[in-house]
Amino acid sequence: MSAFYLEKVILSGNPTNNNYIAMAICGDVRNLAFSRSGDKKWTLIKENGEHTAFEDVIYLKDQFYVVDGAARVLLCNIDDHPSMELLADSPLREDTSDGKYLVDVGGKLKLVFCQRDLDENVKVGLYTSYKTSGFKIYSLDLKTKKWSKSKSLGDYALFVGRNSFPISTSEITSYKRDCIYFTDDYYAGPCHEIGIYSLKDRCVKSLPFGEVSTFPGPVWVAP
């Protein structure tokens, strides 16, 4: 396989012990594939229904979970016959979000929706400018497979992008509690941003990152 586009790759464990599984969102249509340590090739996981492209993948409690473009959460089975099991349909009746992220917050699986608004009056080259306007968070009970809306993160702050993770603001006090730090991983032109969204105030604060044409890195470096 000479050309193989990787959108995201996560590992099930520390690669130094040579006993791990890599799971990847790959290809132009965002398929899902995995490779065990020592494998010489990637194995595609076949779907049992219509493909809607995968948005994010996470390893939680010894399992891989993935969210697709329709905001459905699926469990990845990687036995002798790799497959996917639908756990839950979208918690939203009408999904108009532009980004979906899976985050492990204290052992609970969270699905974060990002909403971006276009500004038709602002153009950079051929592209219409856009800005992040808000987020919605839902928690999935893996036993009952039921959704519940999360109105607060408590003492946590979330970082979302190509790699998403929580930080306890009671342990690392330099970050703002009950907030979402976001970097732009939406490649629809050069109008990119970095910012903070407050769940309490429901407002976005942009952070400086240089000129409009600058592409901020979509990957966070954890402290």
Protein backbone atom coordinates (compact mmCIF):
# COMPACT_ATOMS: atom_id res chain seq x y z
CA MET A 1 0.00 0.00 0.00
CA SER A 2 2.08 2.91 -1.29
CA ALA A 3 -0.41 5.70 -0.49
CA PHE A 4 -2.33 5.49 2.76
CA TYR A 5 -3.89 8.62 4.25
CA LEU A 6 -4.20 8.52 8.04
CA GLU A 7 -6.66 10.92 9.65
CA LYS A 8 -5.98 9.70 13.19
CA VAL A 9 -4.19 6.82 14.92
CA ILE A 10 -4.58 5.73 18.56
CA LEU A 11 -2.93 2.93 20.53
CA SER A 12 -4.41 0.52 23.06
CA GLY A 13 -1.31 0.73 25.23
CA ASN A 14 2.32 1.69 25.57
CA PRO A 15 4.11 0.68 22.35
CA THR A 16 7.35 -0.07 24.19
CA ASN A 17 5.93 -3.34 25.56
CA ASN A 18 5.33 -4.63 22.01
CA ASN A 19 1.80 -5.73 22.90
CA TYR A 20 -0.60 -3.16 21.56
CA ILE A 21 -3.21 -2.51 18.87
CA ALA A 22 -3.22 0.56 16.64
CA MET A 23 -6.61 1.78 15.39
CA ALA A 24 -6.79 4.29 12.54
CA ILE A 25 -9.30 6.43 10.71
CA CYS A 26 -7.91 6.30 7.20
CA GLY A 27 -8.49 6.89 3.53
CA ASP A 28 -10.38 9.59 1.68
CA VAL A 29 -13.72 8.18 2.92
CA ARG A 30 -12.51 7.78 6.53
CA ASN A 31 -12.62 4.02 6.93
CA LEU A 32 -11.54 2.24 10.10
CA ALA A 33 -8.54 -0.11 10.18
CA PHE A 34 -6.37 -1.73 12.84
CA SER A 35 -2.96 -3.32 13.13
CA ARG A 36 -1.55 -5.38 15.99
CA SER A 37 2.07 -5.02 17.02
CA GLY A 38 4.10 -7.14 14.63
CA ASP A 39 1.54 -7.02 11.81
CA LYS A 40 2.87 -6.09 8.38
CA LYS A 41 -0.42 -4.63 7.13
CA TRP A 42 -3.58 -2.86 8.22
CA THR A 43 -6.91 -4.70 8.43
CA LEU A 44 -10.07 -2.84 7.44
CA ILE A 45 -13.12 -3.32 9.66
CA LYS A 46 -16.22 -3.91 7.58
CA GLU A 47 -19.45 -2.15 8.40
CA ASN A 48 -22.88 -3.75 8.52
CA GLY A 49 -24.67 -0.78 7.01
CA GLU A 50 -24.27 2.43 5.06
CA HIS A 51 -20.91 4.15 5.44
CA THR A 52 -21.09 7.74 6.71
CA ALA A 53 -17.37 8.33 7.40
CA PHE A 54 -15.87 8.12 10.86
CA GLU A 55 -15.25 11.25 12.90
CA ASP A 56 -13.32 10.02 15.95
CA VAL A 57 -12.13 6.90 17.74
CA ILE A 58 -11.21 6.25 21.38
CA TYR A 59 -9.86 3.39 23.51
CA LEU A 60 -11.78 3.06 26.78
CA LYS A 61 -12.06 0.18 29.26
CA ASP A 62 -10.21 -2.27 26.98
CA GLN A 63 -12.45 -1.49 24.01
CA PHE A 64 -12.32 0.69 20.90
CA TYR A 65 -15.30 2.97 20.28
CA VAL A 66 -15.93 5.07 17.19
CA VAL A 67 -18.39 7.82 16.23
CA ASP A 68 -19.50 8.25 12.63
CA GLY A 69 -20.79 11.20 10.64
CA ALA A 70 -24.36 10.49 11.76
CA ALA A 71 -23.23 10.72 15.43
CA ARG A 72 -23.79 7.01 16.00
CA VAL A 73 -21.43 5.34 18.48
CA LEU A 74 -20.19 1.87 17.57
CA LEU A 75 -18.12 -0.77 19.35
CA CYS A 76 -15.22 -2.23 17.36
CA ASN A 77 -14.84 -6.01 17.53
CA ILE A 78 -11.39 -7.09 16.37
CA ASP A 79 -11.53 -10.86 16.77
CA ASP A 80 -11.13 -13.37 13.92
CA HIS A 81 -13.97 -11.64 12.07
CA PRO A 82 -13.58 -7.89 12.68
CA SER A 83 -16.89 -6.03 12.79
CA MET A 84 -18.74 -3.13 14.37
CA GLU A 85 -21.66 -3.19 16.78
CA LEU A 86 -24.04 -0.24 16.99
CA LEU A 87 -24.31 0.91 20.61
CA ALA A 88 -26.35 4.09 20.29
CA ASP A 89 -27.86 6.34 17.66
CA SER A 90 -27.27 10.07 17.76
CA PRO A 91 -28.54 11.85 20.89
CA LEU A 92 -29.65 14.73 18.66
CA ARG A 93 -32.85 14.64 16.61
CA GLU A 94 -31.29 17.01 14.13
CA ASP A 95 -27.51 17.14 13.91
CA THR A 96 -26.11 20.34 12.40
CA SER A 97 -22.70 20.05 14.04
CA ASP A 98 -19.41 20.41 12.17
CA GLY A 99 -17.25 18.28 14.43
CA LYS A 100 -17.67 15.29 16.75
CA TYR A 101 -15.19 14.19 19.42
CA LEU A 102 -15.06 11.24 21.83
CA VAL A 103 -13.50 11.95 25.22
CA ASP A 104 -12.91 9.80 28.31
CA VAL A 105 -13.84 11.92 31.33
CA GLY A 106 -13.34 10.03 34.56
CA GLY A 107 -14.11 6.71 32.88
CA LYS A 108 -17.28 8.04 31.22
CA LEU A 109 -17.64 8.24 27.46
CA LYS A 110 -18.51 11.76 26.32
CA LEU A 111 -19.54 12.81 22.82
CA VAL A 112 -18.77 16.46 22.11
CA PHE A 113 -20.48 18.30 19.26
CA CYS A 114 -18.86 21.40 17.78
CA GLN A 115 -20.92 24.04 15.98
CA ARG A 116 -19.34 26.43 13.48
CA ASP A 117 -21.03 29.38 11.78
CA LEU A 118 -20.16 30.74 8.35
CA ASP A 119 -19.61 34.44 7.81
CA GLU A 120 -20.63 35.08 4.20
CA ASN A 121 -19.36 38.65 4.43
CA VAL A 122 -15.77 37.59 5.09
CA LYS A 123 -13.74 35.82 2.42
CA VAL A 124 -10.13 34.66 2.39
CA GLY A 125 -9.33 33.85 -1.21
CA LEU A 126 -12.09 31.57 -2.48
CA TYR A 127 -13.13 30.45 1.00
CA THR A 128 -15.87 31.71 3.28
CA SER A 129 -14.75 32.51 6.81
CA TYR A 130 -16.16 30.54 9.74
CA LYS A 131 -16.05 30.72 13.50
CA THR A 132 -16.74 28.21 16.25
CA SER A 133 -19.95 29.26 17.99
CA GLY A 134 -20.58 26.59 20.61
CA PHE A 135 -20.46 23.02 21.88
CA LYS A 136 -22.86 20.38 23.18
CA ILE A 137 -21.81 17.43 25.35
CA TYR A 138 -23.59 14.11 25.86
CA SER A 139 -22.60 11.17 28.06
CA LEU A 140 -23.24 7.56 27.00
CA ASP A 141 -23.93 4.91 29.64
CA LEU A 142 -22.16 1.88 28.18
CA LYS A 143 -24.36 -0.55 30.14
CA THR A 144 -27.80 0.86 29.36
CA LYS A 145 -26.70 2.46 26.06
CA LYS A 146 -28.64 5.58 27.01
CA TRP A 147 -27.63 9.19 26.45
CA SER A 148 -27.74 12.02 28.97
CA LYS A 149 -26.91 15.65 28.31
CA SER A 150 -23.95 17.10 30.22
CA LYS A 151 -24.55 20.73 31.17
CA SER A 152 -21.34 21.05 33.16
CA LEU A 153 -17.87 19.54 33.29
CA GLY A 154 -17.43 20.35 36.96
CA ASP A 155 -13.74 20.72 37.76
CA TYR A 156 -12.68 19.39 34.37
CA ALA A 157 -11.55 21.21 31.25
CA LEU A 158 -11.67 19.47 27.88
CA PHE A 159 -9.22 19.77 25.02
CA VAL A 160 -10.66 18.78 21.64
CA GLY A 161 -9.05 18.36 18.24
CA ARG A 162 -7.31 15.45 16.55
CA ASN A 163 -6.41 14.28 20.06
CA SER A 164 -8.97 15.01 22.79
CA PHE A 165 -8.52 14.64 26.53
CA PRO A 166 -9.68 16.06 29.89
CA ILE A 167 -7.64 17.87 32.52
CA SER A 168 -8.59 18.20 36.18
CA THR A 169 -8.44 21.91 37.00
CA SER A 170 -8.27 21.09 40.71
CA GLU A 171 -4.91 19.41 40.03
CA ILE A 172 -3.66 21.77 37.30
CA THR A 173 -5.02 25.14 38.33
CA SER A 174 -3.72 27.14 35.36
CA TYR A 175 -6.61 25.96 33.18
CA LYS A 176 -10.21 27.16 33.36
CA ARG A 177 -12.76 24.76 34.83
CA ASP A 178 -15.95 23.87 32.96
CA CYS A 179 -14.43 25.02 29.66
CA ILE A 180 -13.57 23.47 26.30
CA TYR A 181 -10.25 24.36 24.67
CA PHE A 182 -10.48 23.83 20.93
CA THR A 183 -8.11 23.93 17.99
CA ASP A 184 -9.25 24.02 14.40
CA ASP A 185 -9.24 20.66 12.61
CA TYR A 186 -11.84 21.68 10.04
CA TYR A 187 -9.91 22.05 6.78
CA ALA A 188 -12.38 24.08 4.70
CA GLY A 189 -10.07 26.93 3.81
CA PRO A 190 -7.43 29.00 5.55
CA CYS A 191 -9.66 30.74 8.14
CA HIS A 192 -8.52 28.97 11.27
CA GLU A 193 -8.77 29.61 14.99
CA ILE A 194 -7.94 28.49 18.52
CA GLY A 195 -10.21 29.32 21.42
CA ILE A 196 -11.96 28.53 24.69
CA TYR A 197 -15.67 27.84 25.12
CA SER A 198 -17.27 28.37 28.54
CA LEU A 199 -20.17 26.00 29.26
CA LYS A 200 -21.34 28.26 32.08
CA ASP A 201 -21.43 31.48 30.04
CA ARG A 202 -22.02 29.78 26.65
CA CYS A 203 -19.52 32.04 24.97
CA VAL A 204 -16.37 31.65 22.89
CA LYS A 205 -13.12 33.48 23.55
CA SER A 206 -10.61 33.43 20.70
CA LEU A 207 -6.94 32.96 21.50
CA PRO A 208 -4.16 34.66 19.48
CA PHE A 209 -2.28 32.42 17.06
CA GLY A 210 -0.94 34.71 14.33
CA GLU A 211 -2.25 35.70 10.92
CA VAL A 212 -5.58 34.44 9.58
CA SER A 213 -3.82 32.31 6.99
CA THR A 214 -1.81 30.45 9.63
CA PHE A 215 -2.79 26.83 10.18
CA PRO A 216 -2.70 26.09 13.93
CA GLY A 217 -1.73 22.54 14.77
CA PRO A 218 -4.82 20.38 15.35
CA VAL A 219 -2.95 18.26 17.93
CA TRP A 220 -2.70 19.30 21.58
CA VAL A 221 0.47 18.65 23.59
CA ALA A 222 -0.62 17.42 27.02
CA PRO A 223 1.15 18.89 30.08
